[in-house]
């Protein structure tokens, strides 16, 4: 089973047997992989009807819902990991979404495209036009609309909101980006594992 490079990196952060909630789970490819390969107890939330139907066909436990309405149905620390993959740029209240992730999960994993990537900067400089997101090309006017931000923006956001950054992974296309000093310039995609500082770190299930 082949996964997108950022999704593959996410799977490496999740121990076998964990309890996982995937927000904006799309067609369920990541959740299916985690269930089959890592024996997680997985659930998902997806807005689009097409995505929910695709998940159901995979035999996944997914409900249709809008992330903006919050995760009030879930009690505190009811999951080991809550995943938000390539979805944060499309939500109106990112601080609320991440805070809710860290309420219902012991750790939150967020991945996003980096508009600080050097090709994006060069494109804007030379053409005067907003570039498409690296790795996930989509015109600015297509639905759902996104808000561009960079690795530096997100790191600052986490500090301002008192979200602890437990681990960071950077990719340049499908390859790891090892030049951490220049990550905002060279990385196309970032994966952040976040904690809220008030819960113990998640442990692998036996």
N, C-alpha and C. Protein backbone atom coordinates (compact mmCIF):
# COMPACT_ATOMS: atom_id res chain seq x y z
N UNK A 1 0.84 -1.19 0.00
CA UNK A 1 0.00 0.00 0.00
C UNK A 1 0.88 1.25 0.00
N UNK A 2 0.79 2.05 -1.05
CA UNK A 2 1.61 3.25 -1.18
C UNK A 2 0.89 4.45 -0.59
N UNK A 3 1.61 5.22 0.22
CA UNK A 3 1.06 6.44 0.80
C UNK A 3 1.85 7.64 0.32
N UNK A 4 1.19 8.80 0.33
CA UNK A 4 1.88 10.06 0.07
C UNK A 4 3.01 10.20 1.08
N UNK A 5 4.08 10.89 0.70
CA UNK A 5 5.29 10.92 1.53
C UNK A 5 5.03 11.49 2.93
N UNK A 6 4.21 12.52 3.05
CA UNK A 6 3.96 13.09 4.38
C UNK A 6 3.12 12.13 5.22
N UNK A 7 2.21 11.40 4.59
CA UNK A 7 1.42 10.42 5.33
C UNK A 7 2.30 9.27 5.82
N UNK A 8 3.25 8.86 5.00
CA UNK A 8 4.17 7.82 5.41
C UNK A 8 4.98 8.26 6.62
N UNK A 9 5.40 9.51 6.63
CA UNK A 9 6.15 10.04 7.78
C UNK A 9 5.29 10.05 9.03
N UNK A 10 4.01 10.36 8.88
CA UNK A 10 3.09 10.37 10.02
C UNK A 10 2.99 8.97 10.62
N UNK A 11 2.91 7.94 9.76
CA UNK A 11 2.78 6.58 10.28
C UNK A 11 3.98 6.19 11.15
N UNK A 12 5.13 6.76 10.86
CA UNK A 12 6.34 6.42 11.62
C UNK A 12 6.31 7.00 13.03
N UNK A 13 5.42 7.96 13.27
CA UNK A 13 5.31 8.59 14.59
C UNK A 13 4.32 7.86 15.50
N UNK A 14 3.58 6.90 14.96
CA UNK A 14 2.48 6.28 15.70
C UNK A 14 2.81 4.83 16.03
N UNK A 15 2.92 4.48 17.30
CA UNK A 15 3.23 3.09 17.70
C UNK A 15 2.07 2.15 17.38
N UNK A 16 2.39 0.89 17.25
CA UNK A 16 1.37 -0.15 17.04
C UNK A 16 0.34 -0.13 18.17
N UNK A 17 -0.91 -0.33 17.80
CA UNK A 17 -1.98 -0.47 18.79
C UNK A 17 -2.48 0.82 19.39
N UNK A 18 -2.03 1.95 18.90
CA UNK A 18 -2.49 3.23 19.44
C UNK A 18 -3.94 3.49 19.09
N UNK A 19 -4.55 4.39 19.83
CA UNK A 19 -5.91 4.83 19.54
C UNK A 19 -5.80 6.16 18.80
N UNK A 20 -6.34 6.23 17.57
CA UNK A 20 -6.08 7.35 16.66
C UNK A 20 -7.38 7.94 16.14
N UNK A 21 -7.42 9.26 16.09
CA UNK A 21 -8.50 10.00 15.44
C UNK A 21 -7.90 10.81 14.30
N UNK A 22 -8.41 10.60 13.09
CA UNK A 22 -7.90 11.29 11.90
C UNK A 22 -8.93 12.33 11.46
N UNK A 23 -8.58 13.61 11.58
CA UNK A 23 -9.48 14.71 11.24
C UNK A 23 -9.29 15.10 9.79
N UNK A 24 -10.39 15.22 9.05
CA UNK A 24 -10.28 15.50 7.62
C UNK A 24 -9.60 14.34 6.93
N UNK A 25 -10.11 13.14 7.16
CA UNK A 25 -9.39 11.93 6.75
C UNK A 25 -9.50 11.62 5.26
N UNK A 26 -10.24 12.43 4.48
CA UNK A 26 -10.28 12.26 3.04
C UNK A 26 -10.84 10.91 2.65
N UNK A 27 -10.13 10.20 1.77
CA UNK A 27 -10.61 8.90 1.31
C UNK A 27 -10.22 7.75 2.23
N UNK A 28 -9.56 8.08 3.35
CA UNK A 28 -9.25 7.07 4.36
C UNK A 28 -7.97 6.29 4.13
N UNK A 29 -7.13 6.73 3.18
CA UNK A 29 -5.92 5.97 2.87
C UNK A 29 -4.99 5.84 4.08
N UNK A 30 -4.78 6.94 4.80
CA UNK A 30 -3.90 6.90 5.97
C UNK A 30 -4.50 6.03 7.06
N UNK A 31 -5.77 6.24 7.35
CA UNK A 31 -6.41 5.49 8.42
C UNK A 31 -6.42 3.99 8.12
N UNK A 32 -6.68 3.63 6.87
CA UNK A 32 -6.67 2.22 6.49
C UNK A 32 -5.28 1.62 6.69
N UNK A 33 -4.25 2.35 6.31
CA UNK A 33 -2.88 1.86 6.49
C UNK A 33 -2.59 1.62 7.97
N UNK A 34 -2.96 2.57 8.81
CA UNK A 34 -2.69 2.45 10.23
C UNK A 34 -3.44 1.28 10.85
N UNK A 35 -4.66 1.08 10.42
CA UNK A 35 -5.46 -0.04 10.94
C UNK A 35 -4.86 -1.37 10.51
N UNK A 36 -4.48 -1.48 9.24
CA UNK A 36 -4.01 -2.75 8.71
C UNK A 36 -2.56 -3.05 9.08
N UNK A 37 -1.71 -2.03 9.03
CA UNK A 37 -0.27 -2.27 9.23
C UNK A 37 0.19 -2.06 10.66
N UNK A 38 -0.52 -1.22 11.42
CA UNK A 38 -0.08 -0.91 12.77
C UNK A 38 -1.13 -1.24 13.82
N UNK A 39 -2.20 -1.89 13.38
CA UNK A 39 -3.24 -2.38 14.30
C UNK A 39 -3.76 -1.28 15.24
N UNK A 40 -3.88 -0.06 14.73
CA UNK A 40 -4.44 1.00 15.56
C UNK A 40 -5.94 0.82 15.67
N UNK A 41 -6.50 1.40 16.72
CA UNK A 41 -7.96 1.52 16.85
C UNK A 41 -8.30 2.91 16.32
N UNK A 42 -8.74 2.96 15.09
CA UNK A 42 -8.84 4.24 14.39
C UNK A 42 -10.26 4.68 14.12
N UNK A 43 -10.46 5.99 14.22
CA UNK A 43 -11.70 6.64 13.82
C UNK A 43 -11.35 7.87 12.98
N UNK A 44 -12.31 8.32 12.19
CA UNK A 44 -12.07 9.48 11.35
C UNK A 44 -13.27 10.41 11.30
N UNK A 45 -13.00 11.66 10.94
CA UNK A 45 -14.04 12.65 10.68
C UNK A 45 -13.74 13.26 9.33
N UNK A 46 -14.73 13.31 8.46
CA UNK A 46 -14.56 13.85 7.11
C UNK A 46 -15.80 14.63 6.72
N UNK A 47 -15.59 15.79 6.10
CA UNK A 47 -16.72 16.66 5.73
C UNK A 47 -17.41 16.20 4.46
N UNK A 48 -16.63 15.81 3.45
CA UNK A 48 -17.21 15.51 2.15
C UNK A 48 -17.92 14.16 2.15
N UNK A 49 -19.05 14.11 1.49
CA UNK A 49 -19.80 12.86 1.38
C UNK A 49 -19.01 11.81 0.60
N UNK A 50 -18.31 12.27 -0.46
CA UNK A 50 -17.51 11.35 -1.26
C UNK A 50 -16.41 10.71 -0.42
N UNK A 51 -15.78 11.51 0.43
CA UNK A 51 -14.73 10.98 1.30
C UNK A 51 -15.27 9.97 2.29
N UNK A 52 -16.43 10.28 2.89
CA UNK A 52 -17.03 9.36 3.85
C UNK A 52 -17.38 8.03 3.18
N UNK A 53 -17.96 8.10 1.98
CA UNK A 53 -18.32 6.88 1.26
C UNK A 53 -17.08 6.05 0.93
N UNK A 54 -15.99 6.73 0.53
CA UNK A 54 -14.75 6.01 0.23
C UNK A 54 -14.23 5.31 1.48
N UNK A 55 -14.33 5.98 2.63
CA UNK A 55 -13.88 5.37 3.89
C UNK A 55 -14.73 4.16 4.26
N UNK A 56 -16.04 4.30 4.07
CA UNK A 56 -16.95 3.20 4.39
C UNK A 56 -16.62 1.98 3.53
N UNK A 57 -16.29 2.21 2.27
CA UNK A 57 -15.93 1.11 1.38
C UNK A 57 -14.66 0.42 1.85
N UNK A 58 -13.81 1.15 2.55
CA UNK A 58 -12.59 0.55 3.10
C UNK A 58 -12.85 -0.16 4.43
N UNK A 59 -14.08 -0.07 4.90
CA UNK A 59 -14.43 -0.71 6.17
C UNK A 59 -14.00 0.08 7.39
N UNK A 60 -13.86 1.43 7.25
CA UNK A 60 -13.37 2.27 8.33
C UNK A 60 -14.52 2.89 9.12
N UNK A 61 -14.24 3.22 10.38
CA UNK A 61 -15.21 3.88 11.24
C UNK A 61 -15.03 5.39 11.10
N UNK A 62 -15.85 6.00 10.26
CA UNK A 62 -15.73 7.43 9.95
C UNK A 62 -17.10 8.07 9.99
N UNK A 63 -17.19 9.24 10.57
CA UNK A 63 -18.45 9.98 10.56
C UNK A 63 -18.28 11.29 9.80
N UNK A 64 -19.38 11.75 9.23
CA UNK A 64 -19.36 13.00 8.49
C UNK A 64 -19.54 14.15 9.46
N UNK A 65 -18.66 15.16 9.37
CA UNK A 65 -18.76 16.28 10.29
C UNK A 65 -17.84 17.41 9.89
N UNK A 66 -18.13 18.58 10.43
CA UNK A 66 -17.36 19.80 10.17
C UNK A 66 -16.43 20.04 11.35
N UNK A 67 -15.14 20.11 11.08
CA UNK A 67 -14.17 20.32 12.16
C UNK A 67 -14.38 21.64 12.88
N UNK A 68 -14.93 22.63 12.18
CA UNK A 68 -15.15 23.94 12.78
C UNK A 68 -16.16 23.88 13.92
N UNK A 69 -16.98 22.83 13.94
CA UNK A 69 -17.97 22.70 15.01
C UNK A 69 -17.36 22.10 16.27
N UNK A 70 -16.09 21.76 16.20
CA UNK A 70 -15.38 21.26 17.38
C UNK A 70 -15.51 19.77 17.57
N UNK A 71 -14.89 19.30 18.64
CA UNK A 71 -14.85 17.86 18.94
C UNK A 71 -15.51 17.61 20.30
N UNK A 72 -16.60 18.33 20.52
CA UNK A 72 -17.25 18.28 21.83
C UNK A 72 -17.77 16.89 22.20
N UNK A 73 -18.01 16.04 21.20
CA UNK A 73 -18.53 14.70 21.47
C UNK A 73 -17.47 13.79 22.10
N UNK A 74 -16.21 14.20 22.05
CA UNK A 74 -15.14 13.34 22.54
C UNK A 74 -14.64 13.84 23.89
N UNK A 75 -14.51 12.96 24.89
CA UNK A 75 -13.97 13.38 26.20
C UNK A 75 -12.48 13.65 26.14
N UNK A 76 -11.97 14.28 27.18
CA UNK A 76 -10.54 14.59 27.26
C UNK A 76 -9.70 13.31 27.18
N UNK A 77 -8.58 13.41 26.47
CA UNK A 77 -7.59 12.33 26.38
C UNK A 77 -8.21 11.00 25.99
N UNK A 78 -9.15 11.03 25.05
CA UNK A 78 -9.80 9.79 24.62
C UNK A 78 -9.05 9.10 23.49
N UNK A 79 -8.00 9.77 22.95
CA UNK A 79 -7.17 9.17 21.91
C UNK A 79 -5.70 9.37 22.27
N UNK A 80 -4.86 8.50 21.75
CA UNK A 80 -3.42 8.68 21.90
C UNK A 80 -2.91 9.75 20.94
N UNK A 81 -3.41 9.69 19.69
CA UNK A 81 -2.96 10.62 18.66
C UNK A 81 -4.16 11.15 17.90
N UNK A 82 -4.13 12.44 17.62
CA UNK A 82 -5.12 13.06 16.74
C UNK A 82 -4.35 13.66 15.58
N UNK A 83 -4.75 13.30 14.36
CA UNK A 83 -4.02 13.68 13.15
C UNK A 83 -4.79 14.73 12.37
N UNK A 84 -4.09 15.74 11.90
CA UNK A 84 -4.67 16.76 11.01
C UNK A 84 -3.69 16.93 9.85
N UNK A 85 -3.92 16.19 8.78
CA UNK A 85 -2.98 16.14 7.66
C UNK A 85 -3.44 17.02 6.51
N UNK A 86 -2.65 18.04 6.19
CA UNK A 86 -2.89 18.93 5.06
C UNK A 86 -4.28 19.56 5.11
N UNK A 87 -4.78 19.83 6.32
CA UNK A 87 -6.11 20.40 6.49
C UNK A 87 -6.10 21.75 7.18
N UNK A 88 -5.08 22.02 7.99
CA UNK A 88 -5.05 23.26 8.78
C UNK A 88 -5.17 24.53 7.93
N UNK A 89 -4.58 24.60 6.73
CA UNK A 89 -4.72 25.83 5.95
C UNK A 89 -6.15 26.15 5.52
N UNK A 90 -7.06 25.17 5.64
CA UNK A 90 -8.42 25.35 5.15
C UNK A 90 -9.43 25.66 6.25
N UNK A 91 -8.99 25.71 7.51
CA UNK A 91 -9.92 25.97 8.61
C UNK A 91 -9.87 27.45 9.00
N UNK A 92 -10.99 27.93 9.53
CA UNK A 92 -11.10 29.35 9.89
C UNK A 92 -10.52 29.65 11.26
N UNK A 93 -10.52 28.66 12.16
CA UNK A 93 -10.04 28.88 13.52
C UNK A 93 -8.97 27.84 13.88
N UNK A 94 -7.77 28.01 13.34
CA UNK A 94 -6.73 27.00 13.58
C UNK A 94 -6.37 26.83 15.05
N UNK A 95 -6.39 27.91 15.83
CA UNK A 95 -6.04 27.79 17.24
C UNK A 95 -7.06 26.92 17.98
N UNK A 96 -8.33 27.10 17.66
CA UNK A 96 -9.37 26.29 18.29
C UNK A 96 -9.23 24.82 17.89
N UNK A 97 -8.98 24.57 16.60
CA UNK A 97 -8.86 23.20 16.12
C UNK A 97 -7.70 22.49 16.81
N UNK A 98 -6.53 23.13 16.85
CA UNK A 98 -5.36 22.49 17.47
C UNK A 98 -5.57 22.30 18.96
N UNK A 99 -6.19 23.27 19.61
CA UNK A 99 -6.44 23.14 21.05
C UNK A 99 -7.38 21.96 21.34
N UNK A 100 -8.40 21.79 20.49
CA UNK A 100 -9.31 20.67 20.64
C UNK A 100 -8.59 19.34 20.36
N UNK A 101 -7.70 19.34 19.38
CA UNK A 101 -6.89 18.13 19.12
C UNK A 101 -6.13 17.72 20.37
N UNK A 102 -5.54 18.69 21.04
CA UNK A 102 -4.71 18.40 22.20
C UNK A 102 -5.54 18.17 23.46
N UNK A 103 -6.81 18.48 23.41
CA UNK A 103 -7.70 18.14 24.51
C UNK A 103 -8.13 16.66 24.42
N UNK A 104 -8.52 16.24 23.22
CA UNK A 104 -9.04 14.87 23.07
C UNK A 104 -7.92 13.86 22.82
N UNK A 105 -6.74 14.32 22.45
CA UNK A 105 -5.61 13.43 22.20
C UNK A 105 -4.43 13.76 23.08
N UNK A 106 -3.63 12.74 23.37
CA UNK A 106 -2.42 12.97 24.15
C UNK A 106 -1.35 13.69 23.32
N UNK A 107 -1.43 13.51 22.00
CA UNK A 107 -0.52 14.22 21.11
C UNK A 107 -1.24 14.50 19.80
N UNK A 108 -0.95 15.66 19.23
CA UNK A 108 -1.51 16.03 17.93
C UNK A 108 -0.42 16.02 16.87
N UNK A 109 -0.76 15.52 15.69
CA UNK A 109 0.18 15.50 14.58
C UNK A 109 -0.40 16.33 13.45
N UNK A 110 0.32 17.37 13.05
CA UNK A 110 -0.15 18.30 12.02
C UNK A 110 0.84 18.30 10.87
N UNK A 111 0.35 18.12 9.65
CA UNK A 111 1.22 18.26 8.47
C UNK A 111 0.64 19.34 7.58
N UNK A 112 1.53 20.05 6.87
CA UNK A 112 1.09 21.12 5.99
C UNK A 112 2.16 21.43 4.95
N UNK A 113 1.73 22.01 3.85
CA UNK A 113 2.66 22.48 2.83
C UNK A 113 3.31 23.78 3.28
N UNK A 114 4.57 23.95 2.92
CA UNK A 114 5.34 25.12 3.36
C UNK A 114 5.45 26.15 2.24
N UNK A 115 4.73 27.27 2.40
CA UNK A 115 4.81 28.33 1.40
C UNK A 115 6.08 29.16 1.53
N UNK A 116 6.93 28.82 2.49
CA UNK A 116 8.23 29.47 2.57
C UNK A 116 9.27 28.81 1.69
N UNK A 117 8.89 27.72 1.02
CA UNK A 117 9.80 26.99 0.13
C UNK A 117 10.35 27.93 -0.94
N UNK A 118 11.61 27.73 -1.31
CA UNK A 118 12.29 28.71 -2.15
C UNK A 118 11.62 28.89 -3.52
N UNK A 119 11.07 27.82 -4.07
CA UNK A 119 10.39 27.96 -5.36
C UNK A 119 9.14 28.84 -5.24
N UNK A 120 8.44 28.75 -4.12
CA UNK A 120 7.28 29.61 -3.89
C UNK A 120 7.72 31.07 -3.81
N UNK A 121 8.80 31.32 -3.09
CA UNK A 121 9.30 32.69 -2.98
C UNK A 121 9.71 33.24 -4.34
N UNK A 122 10.41 32.40 -5.13
CA UNK A 122 10.88 32.84 -6.43
C UNK A 122 9.71 33.09 -7.38
N UNK A 123 8.71 32.22 -7.32
CA UNK A 123 7.54 32.38 -8.17
C UNK A 123 6.84 33.71 -7.88
N UNK A 124 6.67 34.03 -6.61
CA UNK A 124 6.02 35.29 -6.24
C UNK A 124 6.86 36.48 -6.66
N UNK A 125 8.18 36.37 -6.50
CA UNK A 125 9.08 37.47 -6.86
C UNK A 125 9.06 37.74 -8.36
N UNK A 126 9.09 36.67 -9.15
CA UNK A 126 9.23 36.83 -10.60
C UNK A 126 7.91 37.09 -11.32
N UNK A 127 6.82 36.54 -10.78
CA UNK A 127 5.53 36.67 -11.48
C UNK A 127 4.55 37.61 -10.80
N UNK A 128 4.77 37.89 -9.51
CA UNK A 128 3.81 38.70 -8.78
C UNK A 128 2.52 37.96 -8.51
N UNK A 129 2.51 36.63 -8.65
CA UNK A 129 1.31 35.82 -8.44
C UNK A 129 1.53 34.85 -7.29
N UNK A 130 0.46 34.60 -6.53
CA UNK A 130 0.54 33.64 -5.43
C UNK A 130 0.82 32.25 -5.98
N UNK A 131 1.84 31.58 -5.49
CA UNK A 131 2.15 30.23 -6.00
C UNK A 131 1.17 29.21 -5.47
N UNK A 132 1.12 28.07 -6.14
CA UNK A 132 0.36 26.95 -5.62
C UNK A 132 1.15 26.28 -4.50
N UNK A 133 0.43 25.56 -3.65
CA UNK A 133 1.09 24.90 -2.53
C UNK A 133 2.05 23.83 -3.02
N UNK A 134 3.26 23.78 -2.48
CA UNK A 134 4.18 22.71 -2.86
C UNK A 134 3.61 21.37 -2.45
N UNK A 135 3.75 20.38 -3.31
CA UNK A 135 3.30 19.01 -3.08
C UNK A 135 1.79 18.81 -3.22
N UNK A 136 1.00 19.87 -2.98
CA UNK A 136 -0.45 19.76 -3.12
C UNK A 136 -0.96 20.93 -3.95
N UNK A 137 -0.68 20.94 -5.25
CA UNK A 137 -1.04 22.08 -6.08
C UNK A 137 -2.54 22.29 -6.17
N UNK A 138 -2.96 23.50 -5.92
CA UNK A 138 -4.37 23.88 -6.01
C UNK A 138 -4.43 25.39 -6.22
N UNK A 139 -5.20 25.88 -7.21
CA UNK A 139 -5.33 27.32 -7.42
C UNK A 139 -5.91 28.01 -6.19
N UNK A 140 -5.56 29.26 -6.00
CA UNK A 140 -6.02 30.00 -4.82
C UNK A 140 -7.53 30.14 -4.78
N UNK A 141 -8.17 30.09 -5.96
CA UNK A 141 -9.62 30.34 -6.03
C UNK A 141 -10.45 29.07 -5.92
N UNK A 142 -9.80 27.90 -5.89
CA UNK A 142 -10.54 26.64 -5.84
C UNK A 142 -11.04 26.38 -4.43
N UNK A 143 -12.17 25.69 -4.34
CA UNK A 143 -12.70 25.32 -3.04
C UNK A 143 -12.08 24.00 -2.58
N UNK A 144 -11.80 23.83 -1.29
CA UNK A 144 -11.93 24.85 -0.25
C UNK A 144 -10.77 25.84 -0.28
N UNK A 145 -11.04 27.07 0.07
CA UNK A 145 -10.01 28.11 0.03
C UNK A 145 -9.01 27.90 1.16
N UNK A 146 -7.73 28.20 0.87
CA UNK A 146 -6.70 28.00 1.86
C UNK A 146 -6.06 29.33 2.28
N UNK A 147 -5.41 29.28 3.43
CA UNK A 147 -4.62 30.39 3.93
C UNK A 147 -3.16 29.97 3.93
N UNK A 148 -2.35 30.64 3.12
CA UNK A 148 -0.94 30.27 3.03
C UNK A 148 -0.19 30.63 4.31
N UNK A 149 0.68 29.72 4.76
CA UNK A 149 1.59 30.03 5.87
C UNK A 149 2.83 29.17 5.73
N UNK A 150 3.86 29.52 6.49
CA UNK A 150 5.16 28.87 6.38
C UNK A 150 5.50 28.10 7.65
N UNK A 151 6.60 27.38 7.61
CA UNK A 151 7.08 26.68 8.80
C UNK A 151 7.36 27.68 9.92
N UNK A 152 7.97 28.79 9.59
CA UNK A 152 8.25 29.81 10.61
C UNK A 152 6.97 30.36 11.20
N UNK A 153 5.97 30.59 10.37
CA UNK A 153 4.67 31.06 10.86
C UNK A 153 4.07 30.07 11.86
N UNK A 154 4.10 28.79 11.50
CA UNK A 154 3.48 27.79 12.36
C UNK A 154 4.26 27.63 13.67
N UNK A 155 5.57 27.67 13.61
CA UNK A 155 6.38 27.58 14.83
C UNK A 155 6.05 28.73 15.78
N UNK A 156 5.92 29.93 15.23
CA UNK A 156 5.58 31.10 16.04
C UNK A 156 4.17 30.95 16.62
N UNK A 157 3.24 30.46 15.82
CA UNK A 157 1.87 30.21 16.27
C UNK A 157 1.87 29.26 17.47
N UNK A 158 2.65 28.18 17.40
CA UNK A 158 2.71 27.23 18.50
C UNK A 158 3.25 27.87 19.77
N UNK A 159 4.26 28.70 19.64
CA UNK A 159 4.81 29.39 20.82
C UNK A 159 3.78 30.33 21.42
N UNK A 160 3.08 31.06 20.59
CA UNK A 160 2.08 32.01 21.08
C UNK A 160 0.92 31.32 21.77
N UNK A 161 0.57 30.12 21.29
CA UNK A 161 -0.55 29.37 21.87
C UNK A 161 -0.11 28.40 22.97
N UNK A 162 1.18 28.39 23.28
CA UNK A 162 1.74 27.50 24.31
C UNK A 162 1.55 26.02 23.97
N UNK A 163 1.66 25.70 22.68
CA UNK A 163 1.67 24.30 22.26
C UNK A 163 3.12 23.85 22.21
N UNK A 164 3.45 22.79 22.90
CA UNK A 164 4.82 22.31 22.86
C UNK A 164 5.06 21.52 21.58
N UNK A 165 6.19 21.75 20.94
CA UNK A 165 6.58 21.03 19.74
C UNK A 165 7.49 19.88 20.16
N UNK A 166 6.95 18.67 20.10
CA UNK A 166 7.68 17.50 20.58
C UNK A 166 8.61 16.92 19.52
N UNK A 167 8.20 17.03 18.26
CA UNK A 167 9.03 16.50 17.18
C UNK A 167 8.67 17.18 15.88
N UNK A 168 9.66 17.33 15.00
CA UNK A 168 9.43 17.95 13.70
C UNK A 168 10.08 17.09 12.60
N UNK A 169 9.38 16.93 11.50
CA UNK A 169 9.91 16.23 10.33
C UNK A 169 9.71 17.13 9.13
N UNK A 170 10.75 17.25 8.30
CA UNK A 170 10.68 18.10 7.11
C UNK A 170 11.00 17.27 5.87
N UNK A 171 10.23 17.52 4.82
CA UNK A 171 10.41 16.80 3.57
C UNK A 171 10.67 17.79 2.44
N UNK A 172 11.55 17.39 1.53
CA UNK A 172 11.76 18.11 0.28
C UNK A 172 11.25 17.19 -0.82
N UNK A 173 10.00 17.38 -1.21
CA UNK A 173 9.36 16.40 -2.08
C UNK A 173 9.12 15.13 -1.28
N UNK A 174 9.61 14.01 -1.78
CA UNK A 174 9.44 12.73 -1.08
C UNK A 174 10.63 12.40 -0.18
N UNK A 175 11.66 13.25 -0.17
CA UNK A 175 12.88 12.95 0.57
C UNK A 175 12.96 13.76 1.86
N UNK A 176 13.59 13.20 2.90
CA UNK A 176 13.80 13.97 4.13
C UNK A 176 14.66 15.20 3.86
N UNK A 177 14.32 16.28 4.51
CA UNK A 177 15.12 17.51 4.42
C UNK A 177 15.97 17.58 5.68
N UNK A 178 17.26 17.36 5.53
CA UNK A 178 18.15 17.25 6.68
C UNK A 178 18.80 18.57 7.09
N UNK A 179 18.62 19.61 6.29
CA UNK A 179 19.24 20.90 6.60
C UNK A 179 18.28 21.72 7.46
N UNK A 180 18.22 21.37 8.75
CA UNK A 180 17.23 21.97 9.63
C UNK A 180 17.39 23.48 9.77
N UNK A 181 18.61 23.97 9.63
CA UNK A 181 18.84 25.40 9.75
C UNK A 181 18.13 26.17 8.64
N UNK A 182 17.95 25.52 7.47
CA UNK A 182 17.33 26.18 6.33
C UNK A 182 16.00 25.52 5.96
N UNK A 183 15.34 24.94 6.95
CA UNK A 183 14.12 24.17 6.69
C UNK A 183 13.03 25.02 6.04
N UNK A 184 12.90 26.28 6.46
CA UNK A 184 11.84 27.12 5.92
C UNK A 184 12.08 27.48 4.46
N UNK A 185 13.31 27.34 4.03
CA UNK A 185 13.68 27.64 2.64
C UNK A 185 13.65 26.39 1.76
N UNK A 186 14.02 25.24 2.33
CA UNK A 186 14.25 24.04 1.52
C UNK A 186 13.15 22.99 1.61
N UNK A 187 12.34 23.03 2.65
CA UNK A 187 11.32 21.99 2.84
C UNK A 187 10.04 22.35 2.11
N UNK A 188 9.45 21.36 1.46
CA UNK A 188 8.14 21.55 0.82
C UNK A 188 7.00 21.22 1.76
N UNK A 189 7.25 20.33 2.72
CA UNK A 189 6.20 19.86 3.62
C UNK A 189 6.77 19.71 5.02
N UNK A 190 5.95 20.00 6.03
CA UNK A 190 6.37 19.86 7.43
C UNK A 190 5.37 18.99 8.18
N UNK A 191 5.88 18.21 9.12
CA UNK A 191 5.05 17.43 10.03
C UNK A 191 5.47 17.77 11.45
N UNK A 192 4.53 18.26 12.26
CA UNK A 192 4.79 18.64 13.65
C UNK A 192 4.02 17.70 14.58
N UNK A 193 4.70 17.15 15.57
CA UNK A 193 4.04 16.43 16.66
C UNK A 193 3.96 17.38 17.84
N UNK A 194 2.73 17.65 18.30
CA UNK A 194 2.49 18.67 19.31
C UNK A 194 1.95 18.07 20.60
N UNK A 195 2.26 18.72 21.71
CA UNK A 195 1.68 18.36 23.00
C UNK A 195 1.21 19.62 23.71
N UNK A 196 0.39 19.46 24.74
CA UNK A 196 -0.08 20.64 25.47
C UNK A 196 0.61 20.82 26.81
N UNK A 197 1.54 19.92 27.12
CA UNK A 197 2.33 20.08 28.33
C UNK A 197 1.65 19.60 29.59
N UNK A 198 0.35 19.30 29.55
CA UNK A 198 -0.37 18.92 30.76
C UNK A 198 -0.66 17.43 30.84
N UNK A 199 -0.39 16.71 29.77
CA UNK A 199 -0.65 15.27 29.74
C UNK A 199 0.66 14.51 29.59
N UNK A 200 0.74 13.30 30.14
CA UNK A 200 1.96 12.49 29.96
C UNK A 200 2.11 12.11 28.50
N UNK A 201 3.34 11.86 28.05
CA UNK A 201 3.56 11.47 26.65
C UNK A 201 2.88 10.15 26.35
N UNK A 202 2.39 9.97 25.11
CA UNK A 202 1.72 8.73 24.75
C UNK A 202 2.70 7.56 24.78
N UNK A 203 2.22 6.42 25.24
CA UNK A 203 3.06 5.23 25.31
C UNK A 203 2.58 4.22 24.28
N UNK A 204 3.52 3.43 23.77
CA UNK A 204 3.15 2.39 22.83
C UNK A 204 2.34 1.32 23.55
N UNK A 205 1.32 0.81 22.88
CA UNK A 205 0.49 -0.24 23.45
C UNK A 205 1.10 -1.60 23.14
N UNK A 206 1.02 -2.48 24.07
CA UNK A 206 1.55 -3.83 23.87
C UNK A 206 0.46 -4.74 23.29
